Amino acid sequence: MLKSFENAFRSFCENQDLEINKNQISVLKKIDKYYQINFKSFFSKLFSKKLSQKGFYLYGDVGVGKTMILNFFFDRLDKKKLRKHFNEFMLNFHDFAHERKESGEENIINLFVKDLKSKASLIYFDEFQVTNIVDAMILGKLFDQIFKEDIKIIVTSNTKISELYKDGLQRDQFKPFIKIMQDQSVEHELKIEDDYRKSNDKQQQRYFYPLNQEINFKINKFFRTITKNKKKSIILINVKGRDFKIENFYDGIVRLNFNELCDQNLGAEDYLEIIKNCKFIVIEKIPQFTDINSNQQKRFITLLDVIYDKGIPLAITANQNINEFTSSRLLENPFKRTISRLYELTSMETNL
């Protein structure tokens, strides 16, 4: 696979006018070895389940090309496979657990993983992070069973395995998961100096700042242009008894403000339902973040993760340039990813 895969990647980079970086080529070689051991039948038989590592964990700073490389690998892998946002995956588990417990069933994790195995032999988690204490406490048992069922996992993250859920509540209960992932994964760091998301000349075409009359005029004009000849309607979304109203909805083009999305008790489950209706989103009046509004910042990070995973372009208004955002202390690392994604989502091409 290596020669054809590497050549295909080089052609892809040339067609996209992307630099072919030696560090990325090094990752390709490690992925190929992982592939040979886990998916080529001849090699698989040579390695017992105990010896082969079923996970490939690629970490590094934002914008170094982690997602691009694993997307490239995933798209060309001819196996039963799933690509899941981690928040969505855990919501699926909790919904599954709730339904089965109501039916009086036991061994919920085993049942969930059996169902998972019927759908995929490989799962891809892009930008893996753990911030929820409920998830942190269950992941060890869940992933232990996933690996026992010989389901392969590929992961991108900004954080090495040993630093996942760092400073989180009751982290001792998360440590079994760390050990399982370290034992079962090929872990590799991708280092590149530049953030490729920021290198595009078209960046920030739809990022408007500061918050003043002129910018308000510009965003209003922009919104009138993209919704021209589209019918306005009001959408009411209900998630487990929680209502969310979208008052500015124009055939999938949506205009919302930050407080509507992040200053109330909403989470990944709500955001997933909200954006099901959207093909373009305008988010207005994003504030600076400090320790005082860290809960709102955490929701914003989750929101951007969901939007990015679904590939929905954005327009943004804020009071400062995109590279001038501040952060609460505990969220500094995950927020770097959010800022990088803002660059990409506000320059993504649209067909409105």
Protein backbone atom coordinates (compact mmCIF):
# COMPACT_ATOMS: atom_id res chain seq x y z
CA MET A 1 0.00 0.00 0.00
CA LEU A 2 2.80 2.44 0.86
CA LYS A 3 4.04 3.25 -2.62
CA SER A 4 0.62 3.82 -4.17
CA PHE A 5 -0.71 5.58 -1.06
CA GLU A 6 2.26 7.90 -0.78
CA ASN A 7 2.20 8.65 -4.51
CA ALA A 8 -1.52 9.35 -4.35
CA PHE A 9 -0.96 11.72 -1.43
CA ARG A 10 1.79 13.53 -3.31
CA SER A 11 -0.52 13.95 -6.32
CA PHE A 12 -3.28 15.18 -4.02
CA CYS A 13 -0.97 17.81 -2.48
CA GLU A 14 0.22 18.96 -5.89
CA ASN A 15 -3.35 19.29 -7.18
CA GLN A 16 -4.31 21.30 -4.10
CA ASP A 17 -1.16 23.43 -4.33
CA LEU A 18 -0.07 22.21 -0.88
CA GLU A 19 3.49 21.83 0.33
CA ILE A 20 4.61 18.20 0.60
CA ASN A 21 6.17 18.08 4.05
CA LYS A 22 8.68 15.42 5.07
CA ASN A 23 7.05 15.10 8.50
CA GLN A 24 3.71 14.30 6.89
CA ILE A 25 5.37 11.69 4.66
CA SER A 26 6.82 10.16 7.83
CA VAL A 27 3.29 9.87 9.23
CA LEU A 28 2.16 8.14 6.03
CA LYS A 29 4.83 5.49 6.51
CA LYS A 30 3.69 4.84 10.08
CA ILE A 31 0.06 4.64 8.91
CA ASP A 32 1.06 2.15 6.25
CA LYS A 33 2.77 -0.08 8.83
CA TYR A 34 -0.34 0.16 11.01
CA TYR A 35 -2.47 -0.77 7.99
CA GLN A 36 -0.29 -3.74 7.05
CA ILE A 37 -0.43 -5.19 10.56
CA ASN A 38 -4.14 -4.63 11.17
CA PHE A 39 -5.82 -4.96 7.79
CA LYS A 40 -3.72 -7.11 5.46
CA SER A 41 -4.77 -10.68 6.16
CA PHE A 42 -1.32 -12.22 5.66
CA PHE A 43 0.33 -9.82 8.09
CA SER A 44 -2.59 -9.96 10.53
CA LYS A 45 -2.17 -13.68 10.95
CA LEU A 46 1.48 -13.21 11.86
CA PHE A 47 0.59 -11.02 14.83
CA SER A 48 -1.55 -12.12 17.71
CA LYS A 49 -4.22 -9.81 19.01
CA LYS A 50 -2.01 -9.10 21.99
CA LEU A 51 0.91 -7.92 19.91
CA SER A 52 -0.84 -5.80 17.30
CA GLN A 53 -1.84 -2.26 18.27
CA LYS A 54 -5.38 -1.56 17.15
CA GLY A 55 -5.24 2.21 17.56
CA PHE A 56 -3.42 4.91 15.60
CA TYR A 57 -3.23 8.13 17.61
CA LEU A 58 -1.91 11.19 15.76
CA TYR A 59 -1.44 14.37 17.77
CA GLY A 60 0.05 17.80 17.19
CA ASP A 61 -0.69 21.51 17.14
CA VAL A 62 -3.62 22.96 15.25
CA GLY A 63 -3.37 23.30 11.49
CA VAL A 64 -0.45 20.92 10.88
CA GLY A 65 -2.45 18.60 8.60
CA LYS A 66 -3.47 15.80 10.99
CA THR A 67 -7.05 15.69 9.75
CA MET A 68 -6.04 15.99 6.10
CA ILE A 69 -3.74 12.96 6.37
CA LEU A 70 -6.12 10.69 8.30
CA ASN A 71 -9.03 11.75 6.06
CA PHE A 72 -6.91 10.71 3.10
CA PHE A 73 -6.20 7.33 4.70
CA PHE A 74 -9.80 6.81 5.85
CA ASP A 75 -11.33 7.67 2.46
CA ARG A 76 -9.14 5.08 0.72
CA LEU A 77 -9.66 2.27 3.21
CA ASP A 78 -11.93 -0.40 1.78
CA LYS A 79 -13.40 -1.62 5.08
CA LYS A 80 -16.57 -1.23 7.12
CA LYS A 81 -15.88 2.09 8.78
CA LEU A 82 -17.39 5.00 10.68
CA ARG A 83 -16.20 8.59 11.03
CA LYS A 84 -17.65 10.06 14.21
CA HIS A 85 -17.36 13.32 16.07
CA PHE A 86 -16.47 12.22 19.61
CA ASN A 87 -19.33 14.21 21.19
CA GLU A 88 -21.79 12.60 18.80
CA PHE A 89 -20.36 9.15 19.50
CA MET A 90 -20.77 9.56 23.25
CA LEU A 91 -24.30 10.93 22.84
CA ASN A 92 -25.12 7.81 20.84
CA PHE A 93 -23.75 5.68 23.68
CA HIS A 94 -25.71 7.52 26.38
CA ASP A 95 -28.94 7.27 24.34
CA PHE A 96 -28.29 3.56 23.80
CA ALA A 97 -27.61 3.07 27.52
CA HIS A 98 -30.77 4.95 28.51
CA GLU A 99 -32.97 2.86 26.20
CA ARG A 100 -31.48 -0.46 27.31
CA LYS A 101 -31.66 0.37 31.03
CA GLU A 102 -35.33 1.22 30.65
CA SER A 103 -35.77 -2.26 29.17
CA GLY A 104 -34.01 -3.76 32.18
CA GLU A 105 -30.99 -4.99 30.23
CA GLU A 106 -27.52 -5.33 31.73
CA ASN A 107 -23.97 -5.31 30.32
CA ILE A 108 -24.78 -2.13 28.42
CA ILE A 109 -21.22 -1.51 27.27
CA ASN A 110 -20.92 -5.02 25.80
CA LEU A 111 -24.24 -4.65 23.99
CA PHE A 112 -23.25 -1.24 22.60
CA VAL A 113 -19.91 -2.49 21.32
CA LYS A 114 -21.50 -5.59 19.75
CA ASP A 115 -23.88 -3.27 17.90
CA LEU A 116 -20.92 -1.09 16.93
CA LYS A 117 -19.00 -4.06 15.55
CA SER A 118 -21.91 -4.94 13.27
CA LYS A 119 -21.49 -1.51 11.66
CA ALA A 120 -17.73 -1.00 11.48
CA SER A 121 -14.34 -2.62 11.85
CA LEU A 122 -12.71 0.83 12.12
CA ILE A 123 -13.81 4.08 13.78
CA TYR A 124 -12.22 7.46 13.10
CA PHE A 125 -12.37 10.17 15.79
CA ASP A 126 -11.12 13.53 14.54
CA GLU A 127 -9.88 16.08 17.12
CA PHE A 128 -10.44 13.80 20.10
CA GLN A 129 -10.77 15.52 23.47
CA VAL A 130 -12.40 14.72 26.79
CA THR A 131 -14.01 17.49 28.85
CA ASN A 132 -17.06 15.75 30.34
CA ILE A 133 -16.59 13.97 33.69
CA VAL A 134 -19.33 11.43 32.89
CA ASP A 135 -17.55 10.47 29.66
CA ALA A 136 -14.17 10.43 31.41
CA MET A 137 -15.36 7.91 33.98
CA ILE A 138 -16.77 5.47 31.42
CA LEU A 139 -14.21 5.60 28.60
CA GLY A 140 -11.82 3.02 30.08
CA LYS A 141 -14.40 0.24 30.13
CA LEU A 142 -15.87 1.30 26.79
CA PHE A 143 -12.61 1.39 24.84
CA ASP A 144 -11.32 -1.76 26.54
CA GLN A 145 -14.34 -3.59 25.14
CA ILE A 146 -13.94 -1.93 21.73
CA PHE A 147 -10.39 -3.23 21.44
CA LYS A 148 -11.39 -6.68 22.76
CA GLU A 149 -13.88 -6.87 19.90
CA ASP A 150 -10.98 -6.11 17.53
CA ILE A 151 -12.45 -2.81 16.38
CA LYS A 152 -9.70 -0.52 15.13
CA ILE A 153 -9.51 3.15 16.14
CA ILE A 154 -7.76 6.06 14.41
CA VAL A 155 -7.61 9.38 16.21
CA THR A 156 -6.40 12.94 15.75
CA SER A 157 -5.90 15.15 18.78
CA ASN A 158 -4.08 18.28 19.89
CA THR A 159 -2.95 16.45 23.02
CA LYS A 160 -0.77 13.42 23.62
CA ILE A 161 -2.50 10.53 25.32
CA SER A 162 -0.90 11.06 28.73
CA GLU A 163 -2.23 14.63 28.91
CA LEU A 164 -5.85 13.96 27.94
CA TYR A 165 -8.37 15.33 30.47
CA LYS A 166 -5.48 17.07 32.24
CA ASP A 167 -6.64 18.85 35.43
CA GLY A 168 -10.10 17.32 34.98
CA LEU A 169 -12.31 16.39 37.91
CA GLN A 170 -11.65 12.93 39.39
CA ARG A 171 -8.90 12.31 36.83
CA ASP A 172 -7.77 9.19 38.70
CA GLN A 173 -10.84 7.45 37.34
CA PHE A 174 -9.73 8.40 33.82
CA LYS A 175 -6.26 6.89 34.13
CA PRO A 176 -7.33 3.33 33.13
CA PHE A 177 -8.40 4.78 29.77
CA ILE A 178 -5.01 6.44 29.33
CA LYS A 179 -3.22 3.13 29.97
CA ILE A 180 -5.50 1.26 27.55
CA MET A 181 -4.91 3.83 24.82
CA GLN A 182 -1.16 3.86 25.38
CA ASP A 183 -0.96 0.05 25.32
CA GLN A 184 -3.20 -0.32 22.28
CA SER A 185 -2.11 2.62 20.12
CA VAL A 186 0.66 3.65 17.80
CA GLU A 187 1.15 7.22 19.07
CA HIS A 188 2.86 9.78 16.86
CA GLU A 189 3.32 13.55 16.98
CA LEU A 190 3.11 15.57 13.77
CA LYS A 191 5.21 18.73 13.95
CA ILE A 192 5.02 21.50 11.35
CA GLU A 193 5.81 25.16 11.92
CA ASP A 194 2.93 26.72 9.98
CA ASP A 195 -0.81 26.46 10.50
CA TYR A 196 -2.04 25.53 7.01
CA ARG A 197 -5.50 26.85 7.77
CA LYS A 198 -4.09 30.35 8.17
CA SER A 199 -1.91 30.30 5.08
CA ASN A 200 -4.70 30.72 2.56
CA ASP A 201 -4.86 34.22 1.04
CA LYS A 202 -8.66 34.09 1.16
CA GLN A 203 -8.83 33.82 4.94
CA GLN A 204 -11.18 35.99 6.98
CA GLN A 205 -13.38 37.03 4.09
CA ARG A 206 -16.39 36.59 6.39
CA TYR A 207 -14.90 37.67 9.70
CA PHE A 208 -16.20 41.14 10.62
CA TYR A 209 -14.77 43.32 13.39
CA PRO A 210 -14.90 45.47 15.52
CA LEU A 211 -18.48 45.79 16.78
CA ASN A 212 -19.51 49.24 15.60
CA GLN A 213 -22.00 50.91 13.27
CA GLU A 214 -19.92 50.34 10.16
CA ILE A 215 -19.55 46.61 10.83
CA ASN A 216 -23.24 46.34 11.68
CA PHE A 217 -24.02 47.89 8.28
CA LYS A 218 -21.63 45.47 6.55
CA ILE A 219 -23.02 42.32 8.17
CA ASN A 220 -26.60 43.44 7.47
CA LYS A 221 -25.73 44.06 3.84
CA PHE A 222 -23.92 40.72 3.63
CA PHE A 223 -26.90 38.88 5.10
CA ARG A 224 -29.38 40.60 2.78
CA THR A 225 -27.21 39.56 -0.18
CA ILE A 226 -26.97 35.86 0.74
CA THR A 227 -30.70 35.61 1.60
CA LYS A 228 -31.98 37.49 -1.44
CA ASN A 229 -35.13 35.83 -2.87
CA LYS A 230 -35.15 33.32 0.01
CA LYS A 231 -38.21 32.90 2.22
CA LYS A 232 -37.91 33.74 5.90
CA SER A 233 -39.36 31.29 8.41
CA ILE A 234 -39.17 30.46 12.10
CA ILE A 235 -37.83 27.07 13.15
CA LEU A 236 -38.53 25.50 16.56
CA ILE A 237 -36.18 22.72 17.61
CA ASN A 238 -36.88 20.47 20.59
CA VAL A 239 -34.20 18.31 22.19
CA LYS A 240 -35.44 16.19 25.11
CA GLY A 241 -37.81 18.90 26.28
CA ARG A 242 -35.48 21.83 25.58
CA ASP A 243 -36.79 24.30 22.99
CA PHE A 244 -34.57 26.38 20.72
CA LYS A 245 -36.09 28.91 18.34
CA ILE A 246 -34.38 30.12 15.15
CA GLU A 247 -36.14 33.33 14.14
CA ASN A 248 -33.87 34.26 11.22
CA PHE A 249 -34.04 31.19 9.01
CA TYR A 250 -33.85 31.53 5.21
CA ASP A 251 -33.84 28.14 3.47
CA GLY A 252 -30.94 26.87 5.57
CA ILE A 253 -29.17 30.21 6.02
CA VAL A 254 -29.31 31.12 9.70
CA ARG A 255 -28.50 34.22 11.71
CA LEU A 256 -27.91 33.85 15.46
CA ASN A 257 -26.05 35.69 18.18
CA PHE A 258 -23.51 34.28 20.57
CA ASN A 259 -25.72 34.57 23.67
CA GLU A 260 -28.50 32.57 22.04
CA LEU A 261 -26.10 29.71 21.40
CA CYS A 262 -23.67 29.79 24.31
CA ASP A 263 -25.24 31.69 27.20
CA GLN A 264 -27.86 29.09 28.00
CA ASN A 265 -27.83 25.43 28.97
CA LEU A 266 -27.04 23.89 25.59
CA GLY A 267 -24.56 21.16 24.72
CA ALA A 268 -23.35 19.00 21.84
CA GLU A 269 -26.69 17.22 21.54
CA ASP A 270 -28.52 20.53 21.06
CA TYR A 271 -25.95 21.87 18.61
CA LEU A 272 -26.14 18.73 16.50
CA GLU A 273 -29.92 19.15 16.18
CA ILE A 274 -29.68 22.89 15.49
CA ILE A 275 -27.18 22.58 12.65
CA LYS A 276 -29.09 19.75 10.97
CA ASN A 277 -31.22 22.56 9.57
CA CYS A 278 -28.31 24.78 8.49
CA LYS A 279 -26.14 25.13 5.41
CA PHE A 280 -24.66 28.53 6.37
CA ILE A 281 -24.52 30.21 9.80
CA VAL A 282 -23.94 33.80 10.85
CA ILE A 283 -22.88 34.10 14.51
CA GLU A 284 -22.80 37.64 15.89
CA LYS A 285 -21.16 39.38 18.85
CA ILE A 286 -18.65 36.78 19.98
CA PRO A 287 -17.02 38.19 23.14
CA GLN A 288 -13.56 37.96 24.57
CA PHE A 289 -13.14 35.01 26.92
CA THR A 290 -11.80 35.01 30.47
CA ASP A 291 -12.16 32.86 33.56
CA ILE A 292 -15.41 34.70 34.25
CA ASN A 293 -17.23 33.39 31.14
CA SER A 294 -15.41 30.06 30.78
CA ASN A 295 -18.70 28.11 30.67
CA GLN A 296 -19.79 30.10 27.63
CA GLN A 297 -16.36 29.57 26.07
CA LYS A 298 -16.61 25.81 26.65
CA ARG A 299 -19.97 25.76 24.84
CA PHE A 300 -18.49 27.81 22.00
CA ILE A 301 -15.65 25.31 21.62
CA THR A 302 -18.18 22.46 21.46
CA LEU A 303 -20.32 24.40 18.97
CA LEU A 304 -17.36 25.05 16.66
CA ASP A 305 -16.31 21.40 16.86
CA VAL A 306 -19.77 20.29 15.73
CA ILE A 307 -20.00 22.91 12.97
CA TYR A 308 -16.53 22.04 11.70
CA ASP A 309 -17.24 18.32 11.72
CA LYS A 310 -20.32 18.90 9.57
CA GLY A 311 -18.46 21.30 7.25
CA ILE A 312 -20.81 24.28 7.58
CA PRO A 313 -19.34 27.66 6.55
CA LEU A 314 -19.60 30.65 8.88
CA ALA A 315 -19.71 34.41 8.99
CA ILE A 316 -18.69 36.00 12.29
CA THR A 317 -18.82 39.35 14.05
CA ALA A 318 -16.64 40.10 17.07
CA ASN A 319 -15.01 43.07 18.75
CA GLN A 320 -11.44 42.04 17.91
CA ASN A 321 -9.43 40.44 15.15
CA ILE A 322 -9.44 36.67 15.03
CA ASN A 323 -5.88 36.38 16.33
CA GLU A 324 -6.59 38.69 19.29
CA PHE A 325 -8.98 36.45 21.21
CA THR A 326 -8.19 35.79 24.84
CA SER A 327 -9.09 32.62 26.73
CA SER A 328 -9.87 31.32 30.19
CA ARG A 329 -6.84 29.60 31.65
CA LEU A 330 -8.19 26.04 31.66
CA LEU A 331 -9.37 26.20 28.03
CA GLU A 332 -6.28 27.74 26.40
CA ASN A 333 -5.21 24.56 24.57
CA PRO A 334 -8.58 23.46 23.13
CA PHE A 335 -9.32 27.08 22.21
CA LYS A 336 -6.28 27.15 19.91
CA ARG A 337 -8.07 24.57 17.79
CA THR A 338 -11.25 26.69 17.84
CA ILE A 339 -9.39 29.76 16.57
CA SER A 340 -7.76 27.73 13.82
CA ARG A 341 -11.17 26.43 12.79
CA LEU A 342 -12.59 29.93 12.72
CA TYR A 343 -9.96 30.81 10.11
CA GLU A 344 -11.05 27.88 7.98
CA LEU A 345 -14.82 28.13 8.41
CA THR A 346 -14.91 31.86 7.60
CA SER A 347 -13.08 31.28 4.32
CA MET A 348 -14.67 28.01 3.22
CA GLU A 349 -16.24 28.21 -0.24
CA THR A 350 -20.03 28.25 -0.38
CA ASN A 351 -22.72 27.67 -2.98
CA LEU A 352 -25.54 29.82 -1.65
